[in-house]
Each structure stands twice: as C-alpha cells, then as structure tokens.
C-alpha cells in the first residue's frame, strides 16, 4: 500500500464566491464591479434545468414561474428582459406574451 500523496498543490481550494456559483452572495462592493449581469450569479434558474424556462410552443410555464416566484433577483431579470427585448423564454416570472402586454401598458 502506498503512503499519503503529498503532491496536492497548496492552492487546490477555489472559493465558490470567486467562481460565481449561483446562490452564493457576493459583497456589495464586488457586485458593483461585476457589471450589468452580476445578478445572474444569484438567479435560481441557473441552478435548474434551462429547458423549463424555454418551453416548446404551447408547453407549460408553470415550473419555471414557480422557480421565479421565489427568486431574489426576479426584478433584475425582468428588467433585463424588457430592456433587451428578450423574445423567448420565461424571464422574471413572465412569458413572452406577458412581457409584451406589460410593455404595451407602460407605453
């Protein structure tokens, strides 16, 4: 039997905050420097199956909307989708049709 491997580098550990792991909050100072899409690091959808957020035409949006309902960056997500005219998928808890209606009402 061989002994303990001592060739593991000292810097083997990577802090998940430095990787941008979803759900791991960064300090406000760091987040400001990350840019416009920094909110995506905390989005619950990043931790789930992306297919739920881009259903086939006529497919159910229920699962995606349920996830969005408890997401703490839901408003940032919706704002991004509206500002960038996202035409596909569930963003901020709203479908494409719901976002179009919202934009029409705001005009």
PDB file of N, CA and C in Angstrom:
ATOM      1  N   UNK A   1       0.844  -1.182   0.000  1.00  0.00           N
ATOM      2  CA  UNK A   1       0.000   0.000   0.000  1.00  0.00           C
ATOM      3  C   UNK A   1       0.888   1.244   0.000  1.00  0.00           C
ATOM      4  N   UNK A   2       0.513   2.210  -0.813  1.00  0.00           N
ATOM      5  CA  UNK A   2       1.311   3.431  -0.886  1.00  0.00           C
ATOM      6  C   UNK A   2       0.903   4.400   0.208  1.00  0.00           C
ATOM      7  N   UNK A   3       1.782   5.323   0.482  1.00  0.00           N
ATOM      8  CA  UNK A   3       1.522   6.315   1.518  1.00  0.00           C
ATOM      9  C   UNK A   3       0.666   7.456   1.016  1.00  0.00           C
ATOM     10  N   UNK A   4       0.479   8.429   1.840  1.00  0.00           N
ATOM     11  CA  UNK A   4      -0.313   9.621   1.540  1.00  0.00           C
ATOM     12  C   UNK A   4       0.324  10.410   0.400  1.00  0.00           C
ATOM     13  N   UNK A   5      -0.502  10.857  -0.539  1.00  0.00           N
ATOM     14  CA  UNK A   5       0.003  11.674  -1.658  1.00  0.00           C
ATOM     15  C   UNK A   5       0.263  13.084  -1.175  1.00  0.00           C
ATOM     16  N   UNK A   6       1.470  13.510  -1.304  1.00  0.00           N
ATOM     17  CA  UNK A   6       1.809  14.861  -0.855  1.00  0.00           C
ATOM     18  C   UNK A   6       1.967  15.824  -2.022  1.00  0.00           C
ATOM     19  N   UNK A   7       1.606  15.393  -3.223  1.00  0.00           N
ATOM     20  CA  UNK A   7       1.792  16.254  -4.386  1.00  0.00           C
ATOM     21  C   UNK A   7       0.561  17.111  -4.713  1.00  0.00           C
ATOM     22  N   UNK A   8      -0.362  17.244  -3.769  1.00  0.00           N
ATOM     23  CA  UNK A   8      -1.524  18.107  -3.963  1.00  0.00           C
ATOM     24  C   UNK A   8      -1.058  19.550  -3.818  1.00  0.00           C
ATOM     25  N   UNK A   9      -1.352  20.390  -4.801  1.00  0.00           N
ATOM     26  CA  UNK A   9      -0.890  21.782  -4.708  1.00  0.00           C
ATOM     27  C   UNK A   9      -1.529  22.511  -3.526  1.00  0.00           C
ATOM     28  N   UNK A  10      -0.810  23.464  -2.997  1.00  0.00           N
ATOM     29  CA  UNK A  10      -1.312  24.221  -1.846  1.00  0.00           C
ATOM     30  C   UNK A  10      -2.552  25.042  -2.207  1.00  0.00           C
ATOM     31  N   UNK A  11      -2.678  25.449  -3.449  1.00  0.00           N
ATOM     32  CA  UNK A  11      -3.804  26.291  -3.855  1.00  0.00           C
ATOM     33  C   UNK A  11      -4.934  25.472  -4.493  1.00  0.00           C
ATOM     34  N   UNK A  12      -5.148  24.260  -4.037  1.00  0.00           N
ATOM     35  CA  UNK A  12      -6.166  23.369  -4.607  1.00  0.00           C
ATOM     36  C   UNK A  12      -7.578  23.872  -4.370  1.00  0.00           C
ATOM     37  N   UNK A  13      -7.794  24.603  -3.292  1.00  0.00           N
ATOM     38  CA  UNK A  13      -9.136  25.068  -2.944  1.00  0.00           C
ATOM     39  C   UNK A  13      -9.460  26.334  -3.710  1.00  0.00           C
ATOM     40  N   UNK A  14     -10.641  26.349  -4.341  1.00  0.00           N
ATOM     41  CA  UNK A  14     -11.119  27.540  -5.034  1.00  0.00           C
ATOM     42  C   UNK A  14     -12.386  27.988  -4.331  1.00  0.00           C
ATOM     43  N   UNK A  15     -12.385  29.212  -3.864  1.00  0.00           N
ATOM     44  CA  UNK A  15     -13.543  29.770  -3.178  1.00  0.00           C
ATOM     45  C   UNK A  15     -14.707  29.872  -4.156  1.00  0.00           C
ATOM     46  N   UNK A  16     -15.871  29.264  -3.826  1.00  0.00           N
ATOM     47  CA  UNK A  16     -17.009  29.307  -4.758  1.00  0.00           C
ATOM     48  C   UNK A  16     -17.463  30.718  -5.093  1.00  0.00           C
ATOM     49  N   UNK A  17     -17.255  31.675  -4.208  1.00  0.00           N
ATOM     50  CA  UNK A  17     -17.647  33.052  -4.498  1.00  0.00           C
ATOM     51  C   UNK A  17     -16.843  33.583  -5.685  1.00  0.00           C
ATOM     52  N   UNK A  18     -15.583  33.175  -5.783  1.00  0.00           N
ATOM     53  CA  UNK A  18     -14.755  33.619  -6.902  1.00  0.00           C
ATOM     54  C   UNK A  18     -15.169  32.979  -8.220  1.00  0.00           C
ATOM     55  N   UNK A  19     -15.866  31.859  -8.166  1.00  0.00           N
ATOM     56  CA  UNK A  19     -16.335  31.196  -9.376  1.00  0.00           C
ATOM     57  C   UNK A  19     -17.688  31.722  -9.837  1.00  0.00           C
ATOM     58  N   UNK A  20     -18.362  32.467  -8.990  1.00  0.00           N
ATOM     59  CA  UNK A  20     -19.689  32.963  -9.339  1.00  0.00           C
ATOM     60  C   UNK A  20     -20.746  31.885  -9.222  1.00  0.00           C
ATOM     61  N   UNK A  21     -20.664  31.066  -8.217  1.00  0.00           N
ATOM     62  CA  UNK A  21     -21.622  29.987  -8.024  1.00  0.00           C
ATOM     63  C   UNK A  21     -22.990  30.572  -7.716  1.00  0.00           C
ATOM     64  N   UNK A  22     -24.040  30.122  -8.423  1.00  0.00           N
ATOM     65  CA  UNK A  22     -25.380  30.648  -8.181  1.00  0.00           C
ATOM     66  C   UNK A  22     -25.805  30.464  -6.734  1.00  0.00           C
ATOM     67  N   UNK A  23     -26.444  31.486  -6.198  1.00  0.00           N
ATOM     68  CA  UNK A  23     -26.949  31.404  -4.837  1.00  0.00           C
ATOM     69  C   UNK A  23     -25.953  31.839  -3.778  1.00  0.00           C
ATOM     70  N   UNK A  24     -24.699  32.038  -4.143  1.00  0.00           N
ATOM     71  CA  UNK A  24     -23.695  32.483  -3.184  1.00  0.00           C
ATOM     72  C   UNK A  24     -23.570  33.988  -3.337  1.00  0.00           C
ATOM     73  N   UNK A  25     -23.971  34.719  -2.312  1.00  0.00           N
ATOM     74  CA  UNK A  25     -23.967  36.184  -2.360  1.00  0.00           C
ATOM     75  C   UNK A  25     -22.557  36.739  -2.264  1.00  0.00           C
ATOM     76  N   UNK A  26     -22.293  37.709  -3.072  1.00  0.00           N
ATOM     77  CA  UNK A  26     -21.025  38.429  -3.017  1.00  0.00           C
ATOM     78  C   UNK A  26     -21.253  39.716  -2.245  1.00  0.00           C
ATOM     79  N   UNK A  27     -20.181  40.335  -1.804  1.00  0.00           N
ATOM     80  CA  UNK A  27     -20.350  41.602  -1.099  1.00  0.00           C
ATOM     81  C   UNK A  27     -20.816  42.654  -2.101  1.00  0.00           C
ATOM     82  N   UNK A  28     -21.442  43.680  -1.616  1.00  0.00           N
ATOM     83  CA  UNK A  28     -21.968  44.724  -2.497  1.00  0.00           C
ATOM     84  C   UNK A  28     -20.862  45.386  -3.310  1.00  0.00           C
ATOM     85  N   UNK A  29     -19.698  45.541  -2.724  1.00  0.00           N
ATOM     86  CA  UNK A  29     -18.586  46.191  -3.434  1.00  0.00           C
ATOM     87  C   UNK A  29     -18.177  45.351  -4.641  1.00  0.00           C
ATOM     88  N   UNK A  30     -18.028  44.045  -4.454  1.00  0.00           N
ATOM     89  CA  UNK A  30     -17.636  43.180  -5.557  1.00  0.00           C
ATOM     90  C   UNK A  30     -18.704  43.152  -6.633  1.00  0.00           C
ATOM     91  N   UNK A  31     -19.963  43.105  -6.235  1.00  0.00           N
ATOM     92  CA  UNK A  31     -21.061  43.006  -7.190  1.00  0.00           C
ATOM     93  C   UNK A  31     -21.130  44.234  -8.086  1.00  0.00           C
ATOM     94  N   UNK A  32     -20.856  45.413  -7.554  1.00  0.00           N
ATOM     95  CA  UNK A  32     -20.890  46.630  -8.353  1.00  0.00           C
ATOM     96  C   UNK A  32     -19.884  46.566  -9.486  1.00  0.00           C
ATOM     97  N   UNK A  33     -18.736  45.963  -9.253  1.00  0.00           N
ATOM     98  CA  UNK A  33     -17.701  45.886 -10.267  1.00  0.00           C
ATOM     99  C   UNK A  33     -17.974  44.827 -11.323  1.00  0.00           C
ATOM    100  N   UNK A  34     -18.886  43.917 -11.070  1.00  0.00           N
ATOM    101  CA  UNK A  34     -19.137  42.805 -11.981  1.00  0.00           C
ATOM    102  C   UNK A  34     -19.933  43.207 -13.210  1.00  0.00           C
ATOM    103  N   UNK A  35     -20.588  44.344 -13.176  1.00  0.00           N
ATOM    104  CA  UNK A  35     -21.306  44.803 -14.342  1.00  0.00           C
ATOM    105  C   UNK A  35     -22.795  44.540 -14.289  1.00  0.00           C
ATOM    106  N   UNK A  36     -23.426  44.746 -15.426  1.00  0.00           N
ATOM    107  CA  UNK A  36     -24.871  44.714 -15.549  1.00  0.00           C
ATOM    108  C   UNK A  36     -25.462  43.328 -15.270  1.00  0.00           C
ATOM    109  N   UNK A  37     -24.757  42.272 -15.584  1.00  0.00           N
ATOM    110  CA  UNK A  37     -25.300  40.922 -15.449  1.00  0.00           C
ATOM    111  C   UNK A  37     -24.898  40.230 -14.153  1.00  0.00           C
ATOM    112  N   UNK A  38     -24.403  40.958 -13.180  1.00  0.00           N
ATOM    113  CA  UNK A  38     -23.975  40.360 -11.916  1.00  0.00           C
ATOM    114  C   UNK A  38     -25.111  39.639 -11.206  1.00  0.00           C
ATOM    115  N   UNK A  39     -26.346  40.072 -11.404  1.00  0.00           N
ATOM    116  CA  UNK A  39     -27.498  39.445 -10.761  1.00  0.00           C
ATOM    117  C   UNK A  39     -27.645  37.985 -11.163  1.00  0.00           C
ATOM    118  N   UNK A  40     -27.143  37.608 -12.327  1.00  0.00           N
ATOM    119  CA  UNK A  40     -27.299  36.236 -12.795  1.00  0.00           C
ATOM    120  C   UNK A  40     -26.613  35.216 -11.888  1.00  0.00           C
ATOM    121  N   UNK A  41     -25.604  35.644 -11.146  1.00  0.00           N
ATOM    122  CA  UNK A  41     -24.914  34.734 -10.224  1.00  0.00           C
ATOM    123  C   UNK A  41     -25.843  34.254  -9.115  1.00  0.00           C
ATOM    124  N   UNK A  42     -26.895  35.013  -8.822  1.00  0.00           N
ATOM    125  CA  UNK A  42     -27.824  34.651  -7.755  1.00  0.00           C
ATOM    126  C   UNK A  42     -29.156  34.139  -8.280  1.00  0.00           C
ATOM    127  N   UNK A  43     -29.284  33.987  -9.577  1.00  0.00           N
ATOM    128  CA  UNK A  43     -30.551  33.554 -10.171  1.00  0.00           C
ATOM    129  C   UNK A  43     -30.786  32.066  -9.916  1.00  0.00           C
ATOM    130  N   UNK A  44     -31.975  31.731  -9.429  1.00  0.00           N
ATOM    131  CA  UNK A  44     -32.315  30.329  -9.174  1.00  0.00           C
ATOM    132  C   UNK A  44     -32.360  29.506 -10.449  1.00  0.00           C
ATOM    133  N   UNK A  45     -32.698  30.127 -11.564  1.00  0.00           N
ATOM    134  CA  UNK A  45     -32.785  29.383 -12.821  1.00  0.00           C
ATOM    135  C   UNK A  45     -31.430  28.820 -13.234  1.00  0.00           C
ATOM    136  N   UNK A  46     -30.363  29.462 -12.795  1.00  0.00           N
ATOM    137  CA  UNK A  46     -29.019  28.977 -13.128  1.00  0.00           C
ATOM    138  C   UNK A  46     -28.712  27.656 -12.431  1.00  0.00           C
ATOM    139  N   UNK A  47     -29.522  27.298 -11.439  1.00  0.00           N
ATOM    140  CA  UNK A  47     -29.313  26.067 -10.686  1.00  0.00           C
ATOM    141  C   UNK A  47     -30.271  24.964 -11.121  1.00  0.00           C
ATOM    142  N   UNK A  48     -31.074  25.218 -12.139  1.00  0.00           N
ATOM    143  CA  UNK A  48     -32.105  24.269 -12.552  1.00  0.00           C
ATOM    144  C   UNK A  48     -31.986  23.963 -14.042  1.00  0.00           C
ATOM    145  N   UNK A  49     -32.875  23.125 -14.519  1.00  0.00           N
ATOM    146  CA  UNK A  49     -32.891  22.735 -15.924  1.00  0.00           C
ATOM    147  C   UNK A  49     -33.340  23.908 -16.792  1.00  0.00           C
ATOM    148  N   UNK A  50     -32.499  24.376 -17.699  1.00  0.00           N
ATOM    149  CA  UNK A  50     -32.869  25.537 -18.525  1.00  0.00           C
ATOM    150  C   UNK A  50     -34.047  25.276 -19.451  1.00  0.00           C
ATOM    151  N   UNK A  51     -34.325  24.014 -19.764  1.00  0.00           N
ATOM    152  CA  UNK A  51     -35.443  23.715 -20.653  1.00  0.00           C
ATOM    153  C   UNK A  51     -36.781  24.156 -20.068  1.00  0.00           C
ATOM    154  N   UNK A  52     -36.883  24.204 -18.749  1.00  0.00           N
ATOM    155  CA  UNK A  52     -38.130  24.646 -18.111  1.00  0.00           C
ATOM    156  C   UNK A  52     -38.418  26.112 -18.440  1.00  0.00           C
ATOM    157  N   UNK A  53     -37.381  26.893 -18.711  1.00  0.00           N
ATOM    158  CA  UNK A  53     -37.539  28.320 -18.965  1.00  0.00           C
ATOM    159  C   UNK A  53     -37.720  28.649 -20.444  1.00  0.00           C
ATOM    160  N   UNK A  54     -37.565  27.629 -21.283  1.00  0.00           N
ATOM    161  CA  UNK A  54     -37.757  27.799 -22.724  1.00  0.00           C
ATOM    162  C   UNK A  54     -38.628  26.650 -23.237  1.00  0.00           C
ATOM    163  N   UNK A  55     -39.906  26.626 -22.803  1.00  0.00           N
ATOM    164  CA  UNK A  55     -40.790  25.518 -23.201  1.00  0.00           C
ATOM    165  C   UNK A  55     -41.145  25.588 -24.691  1.00  0.00           C
ATOM    166  N   UNK A  56     -41.498  24.440 -25.231  1.00  0.00           N
ATOM    167  CA  UNK A  56     -41.992  24.373 -26.618  1.00  0.00           C
ATOM    168  C   UNK A  56     -43.255  25.228 -26.717  1.00  0.00           C
ATOM    169  N   UNK A  57     -43.600  25.642 -27.907  1.00  0.00           N
ATOM    170  CA  UNK A  57     -44.820  26.430 -28.097  1.00  0.00           C
ATOM    171  C   UNK A  57     -46.008  25.641 -27.560  1.00  0.00           C
ATOM    172  N   UNK A  58     -46.781  26.265 -26.696  1.00  0.00           N
ATOM    173  CA  UNK A  58     -47.925  25.620 -26.074  1.00  0.00           C
ATOM    174  C   UNK A  58     -47.569  24.799 -24.834  1.00  0.00           C
ATOM    175  N   UNK A  59     -46.264  24.701 -24.532  1.00  0.00           N
ATOM    176  CA  UNK A  59     -45.833  23.935 -23.361  1.00  0.00           C
ATOM    177  C   UNK A  59     -46.096  24.687 -22.066  1.00  0.00           C
ATOM    178  N   UNK A  60     -46.004  23.990 -20.968  1.00  0.00           N
ATOM    179  CA  UNK A  60     -46.287  24.573 -19.660  1.00  0.00           C
ATOM    180  C   UNK A  60     -45.156  25.485 -19.182  1.00  0.00           C
ATOM    181  N   UNK A  61     -45.556  26.597 -18.593  1.00  0.00           N
ATOM    182  CA  UNK A  61     -44.593  27.530 -17.992  1.00  0.00           C
ATOM    183  C   UNK A  61     -44.663  27.465 -16.465  1.00  0.00           C
ATOM    184  N   UNK A  62     -45.495  26.580 -15.951  1.00  0.00           N
ATOM    185  CA  UNK A  62     -45.773  26.513 -14.511  1.00  0.00           C
ATOM    186  C   UNK A  62     -44.503  26.307 -13.673  1.00  0.00           C
ATOM    187  N   UNK A  63     -43.664  25.324 -14.040  1.00  0.00           N
ATOM    188  CA  UNK A  63     -42.464  25.034 -13.249  1.00  0.00           C
ATOM    189  C   UNK A  63     -41.509  26.229 -13.217  1.00  0.00           C
ATOM    190  N   UNK A  64     -41.294  26.842 -14.372  1.00  0.00           N
ATOM    191  CA  UNK A  64     -40.391  27.991 -14.439  1.00  0.00           C
ATOM    192  C   UNK A  64     -40.920  29.150 -13.596  1.00  0.00           C
ATOM    193  N   UNK A  65     -42.208  29.419 -13.688  1.00  0.00           N
ATOM    194  CA  UNK A  65     -42.792  30.524 -12.932  1.00  0.00           C
ATOM    195  C   UNK A  65     -42.750  30.262 -11.432  1.00  0.00           C
ATOM    196  N   UNK A  66     -42.874  29.011 -11.043  1.00  0.00           N
ATOM    197  CA  UNK A  66     -42.780  28.662  -9.620  1.00  0.00           C
ATOM    198  C   UNK A  66     -41.371  28.951  -9.100  1.00  0.00           C
ATOM    199  N   UNK A  67     -40.362  28.633  -9.895  1.00  0.00           N
ATOM    200  CA  UNK A  67     -38.977  28.920  -9.506  1.00  0.00           C
ATOM    201  C   UNK A  67     -38.760  30.425  -9.442  1.00  0.00           C
ATOM    202  N   UNK A  68     -39.237  31.142 -10.434  1.00  0.00           N
ATOM    203  CA  UNK A  68     -39.092  32.604 -10.464  1.00  0.00           C
ATOM    204  C   UNK A  68     -39.746  33.269  -9.250  1.00  0.00           C
ATOM    205  N   UNK A  69     -40.864  32.730  -8.815  1.00  0.00           N
ATOM    206  CA  UNK A  69     -41.615  33.341  -7.714  1.00  0.00           C
ATOM    207  C   UNK A  69     -40.786  33.430  -6.441  1.00  0.00           C
ATOM    208  N   UNK A  70     -39.842  32.520  -6.250  1.00  0.00           N
ATOM    209  CA  UNK A  70     -39.042  32.551  -5.025  1.00  0.00           C
ATOM    210  C   UNK A  70     -37.619  33.051  -5.268  1.00  0.00           C
ATOM    211  N   UNK A  71     -37.354  33.562  -6.450  1.00  0.00           N
ATOM    212  CA  UNK A  71     -36.001  34.035  -6.795  1.00  0.00           C
ATOM    213  C   UNK A  71     -35.810  35.476  -6.326  1.00  0.00           C
ATOM    214  N   UNK A  72     -34.701  35.719  -5.664  1.00  0.00           N
ATOM    215  CA  UNK A  72     -34.463  37.064  -5.120  1.00  0.00           C
ATOM    216  C   UNK A  72     -33.982  38.076  -6.159  1.00  0.00           C
ATOM    217  N   UNK A  73     -33.670  37.643  -7.365  1.00  0.00           N
ATOM    218  CA  UNK A  73     -33.265  38.590  -8.410  1.00  0.00           C
ATOM    219  C   UNK A  73     -34.288  38.646  -9.549  1.00  0.00           C
ATOM    220  N   UNK A  74     -35.510  38.307  -9.215  1.00  0.00           N
ATOM    221  CA  UNK A  74     -36.584  38.279 -10.214  1.00  0.00           C
ATOM    222  C   UNK A  74     -36.776  39.638 -10.893  1.00  0.00           C
ATOM    223  N   UNK A  75     -36.768  40.706 -10.131  1.00  0.00           N
ATOM    224  CA  UNK A  75     -36.997  42.033 -10.723  1.00  0.00           C
ATOM    225  C   UNK A  75     -35.855  42.439 -11.653  1.00  0.00           C
ATOM    226  N   UNK A  76     -34.615  42.109 -11.292  1.00  0.00           N
ATOM    227  CA  UNK A  76     -33.475  42.411 -12.156  1.00  0.00           C
ATOM    228  C   UNK A  76     -33.572  41.624 -13.463  1.00  0.00           C
ATOM    229  N   UNK A  77     -34.013  40.381 -13.360  1.00  0.00           N
ATOM    230  CA  UNK A  77     -34.178  39.517 -14.522  1.00  0.00           C
ATOM    231  C   UNK A  77     -35.238  40.085 -15.470  1.00  0.00           C
ATOM    232  N   UNK A  78     -36.370  40.470 -14.914  1.00  0.00           N
ATOM    233  CA  UNK A  78     -37.440  41.032 -15.729  1.00  0.00           C
ATOM    234  C   UNK A  78     -36.996  42.341 -16.377  1.00  0.00           C
ATOM    235  N   UNK A  79     -36.334  43.174 -15.616  1.00  0.00           N
ATOM    236  CA  UNK A  79     -35.838  44.441 -16.156  1.00  0.00           C
ATOM    237  C   UNK A  79     -34.874  44.197 -17.321  1.00  0.00           C
ATOM    238  N   UNK A  80     -33.988  43.218 -17.163  1.00  0.00           N
ATOM    239  CA  UNK A  80     -33.050  42.878 -18.235  1.00  0.00           C
ATOM    240  C   UNK A  80     -33.810  42.443 -19.487  1.00  0.00           C
ATOM    241  N   UNK A  81     -34.789  41.555 -19.310  1.00  0.00           N
ATOM    242  CA  UNK A  81     -35.550  41.038 -20.450  1.00  0.00           C
ATOM    243  C   UNK A  81     -36.293  42.160 -21.178  1.00  0.00           C
ATOM    244  N   UNK A  82     -36.882  43.075 -20.422  1.00  0.00           N
ATOM    245  CA  UNK A  82     -37.615  44.184 -21.031  1.00  0.00           C
ATOM    246  C   UNK A  82     -36.678  45.147 -21.751  1.00  0.00           C
ATOM    247  N   UNK A  83     -35.547  45.453 -21.119  1.00  0.00           N
ATOM    248  CA  UNK A  83     -34.589  46.385 -21.721  1.00  0.00           C
ATOM    249  C   UNK A  83     -33.906  45.815 -22.957  1.00  0.00           C
ATOM    250  N   UNK A  84     -33.787  44.483 -23.026  1.00  0.00           N
ATOM    251  CA  UNK A  84     -33.079  43.845 -24.136  1.00  0.00           C
ATOM    252  C   UNK A  84     -34.019  43.133 -25.114  1.00  0.00           C
ATOM    253  N   UNK A  85     -35.307  43.388 -24.969  1.00  0.00           N
ATOM    254  CA  UNK A  85     -36.315  42.841 -25.869  1.00  0.00           C
ATOM    255  C   UNK A  85     -36.170  41.330 -26.058  1.00  0.00           C
ATOM    256  N   UNK A  86     -36.008  40.612 -24.923  1.00  0.00           N
ATOM    257  CA  UNK A  86     -35.937  39.147 -24.969  1.00  0.00           C
ATOM    258  C   UNK A  86     -37.272  38.614 -25.462  1.00  0.00           C
ATOM    259  N   UNK A  87     -37.252  37.847 -26.517  1.00  0.00           N
ATOM    260  CA  UNK A  87     -38.488  37.374 -27.125  1.00  0.00           C
ATOM    261  C   UNK A  87     -38.817  35.933 -26.794  1.00  0.00           C
ATOM    262  N   UNK A  88     -37.897  35.218 -26.208  1.00  0.00           N
ATOM    263  CA  UNK A  88     -38.120  33.811 -25.930  1.00  0.00           C
ATOM    264  C   UNK A  88     -37.884  33.517 -24.461  1.00  0.00           C
ATOM    265  N   UNK A  89     -38.637  32.587 -23.934  1.00  0.00           N
ATOM    266  CA  UNK A  89     -38.398  32.097 -22.587  1.00  0.00           C
ATOM    267  C   UNK A  89     -39.119  32.865 -21.493  1.00  0.00           C
ATOM    268  N   UNK A  90     -38.981  32.330 -20.299  1.00  0.00           N
ATOM    269  CA  UNK A  90     -39.540  32.938 -19.094  1.00  0.00           C
ATOM    270  C   UNK A  90     -38.436  33.781 -18.458  1.00  0.00           C
ATOM    271  N   UNK A  91     -38.703  35.030 -18.258  1.00  0.00           N
ATOM    272  CA  UNK A  91     -37.746  35.960 -17.646  1.00  0.00           C
ATOM    273  C   UNK A  91     -38.484  36.726 -16.559  1.00  0.00           C
ATOM    274  N   UNK A  92     -37.947  36.742 -15.356  1.00  0.00           N
ATOM    275  CA  UNK A  92     -38.582  37.475 -14.269  1.00  0.00           C
ATOM    276  C   UNK A  92     -39.978  36.986 -13.956  1.00  0.00           C
ATOM    277  N   UNK A  93     -40.258  35.741 -14.277  1.00  0.00           N
ATOM    278  CA  UNK A  93     -41.558  35.157 -13.983  1.00  0.00           C
ATOM    279  C   UNK A  93     -42.626  35.407 -15.018  1.00  0.00           C
ATOM    280  N   UNK A  94     -42.267  36.047 -16.128  1.00  0.00           N
ATOM    281  CA  UNK A  94     -43.252  36.346 -17.165  1.00  0.00           C
ATOM    282  C   UNK A  94     -42.890  35.677 -18.488  1.00  0.00           C
ATOM    283  N   UNK A  95     -43.922  35.259 -19.206  1.00  0.00           N
ATOM    284  CA  UNK A  95     -43.733  34.670 -20.535  1.00  0.00           C
ATOM    285  C   UNK A  95     -43.538  35.785 -21.555  1.00  0.00           C
ATOM    286  N   UNK A  96     -43.231  35.379 -22.782  1.00  0.00           N
ATOM    287  CA  UNK A  96     -43.076  36.363 -23.859  1.00  0.00           C
ATOM    288  C   UNK A  96     -44.331  37.213 -24.009  1.00  0.00           C
ATOM    289  N   UNK A  97     -45.485  36.564 -24.028  1.00  0.00           N
ATOM    290  CA  UNK A  97     -46.763  37.264 -24.196  1.00  0.00           C
ATOM    291  C   UNK A  97     -47.001  38.237 -23.040  1.00  0.00           C
ATOM    292  N   UNK A  98     -46.734  37.795 -21.824  1.00  0.00           N
ATOM    293  CA  UNK A  98     -46.942  38.652 -20.643  1.00  0.00           C
ATOM    294  C   UNK A  98     -46.005  39.853 -20.657  1.00  0.00           C
ATOM    295  N   UNK A  99     -44.784  39.666 -21.131  1.00  0.00           N
ATOM    296  CA  UNK A  99     -43.850  40.802 -21.226  1.00  0.00           C
ATOM    297  C   UNK A  99     -44.307  41.793 -22.297  1.00  0.00           C
ATOM    298  N   UNK A 100     -44.823  41.289 -23.412  1.00  0.00           N
ATOM    299  CA  UNK A 100     -45.340  42.197 -24.457  1.00  0.00           C
ATOM    300  C   UNK A 100     -46.483  43.040 -23.921  1.00  0.00           C
ATOM    301  N   UNK A 101     -47.410  42.408 -23.187  1.00  0.00           N
ATOM    302  CA  UNK A 101     -48.535  43.138 -22.605  1.00  0.00           C
ATOM    303  C   UNK A 101     -48.048  44.207 -21.632  1.00  0.00           C
ATOM    304  N   UNK A 102     -47.087  43.843 -20.815  1.00  0.00           N
ATOM    305  CA  UNK A 102     -46.525  44.773 -19.837  1.00  0.00           C
ATOM    306  C   UNK A 102     -45.899  45.974 -20.527  1.00  0.00           C
ATOM    307  N   UNK A 103     -45.165  45.737 -21.608  1.00  0.00           N
ATOM    308  CA  UNK A 103     -44.537  46.835 -22.359  1.00  0.00           C
ATOM    309  C   UNK A 103     -45.589  47.737 -23.004  1.00  0.00           C
ATOM    310  N   UNK A 104     -46.655  47.127 -23.532  1.00  0.00           N
ATOM    311  CA  UNK A 104     -47.728  47.929 -24.145  1.00  0.00           C
ATOM    312  C   UNK A 104     -48.395  48.833 -23.108  1.00  0.00           C
ATOM    313  N   UNK A 105     -48.646  48.283 -21.930  1.00  0.00           N
ATOM    314  CA  UNK A 105     -49.293  49.073 -20.879  1.00  0.00           C
ATOM    315  C   UNK A 105     -48.395  50.207 -20.415  1.00  0.00           C
ATOM    316  N   UNK A 106     -47.078  49.999 -20.438  1.00  0.00           N
ATOM    317  CA  UNK A 106     -46.134  51.012 -19.976  1.00  0.00           C
ATOM    318  C   UNK A 106     -45.949  52.129 -21.013  1.00  0.00           C
ATOM    319  N   UNK A 107     -46.319  51.862 -22.253  1.00  0.00           N
ATOM    320  CA  UNK A 107     -46.124  52.865 -23.322  1.00  0.00           C
ATOM    321  C   UNK A 107     -47.161  53.939 -23.308  1.00  0.00           C
TER     322      UNK A 107
END
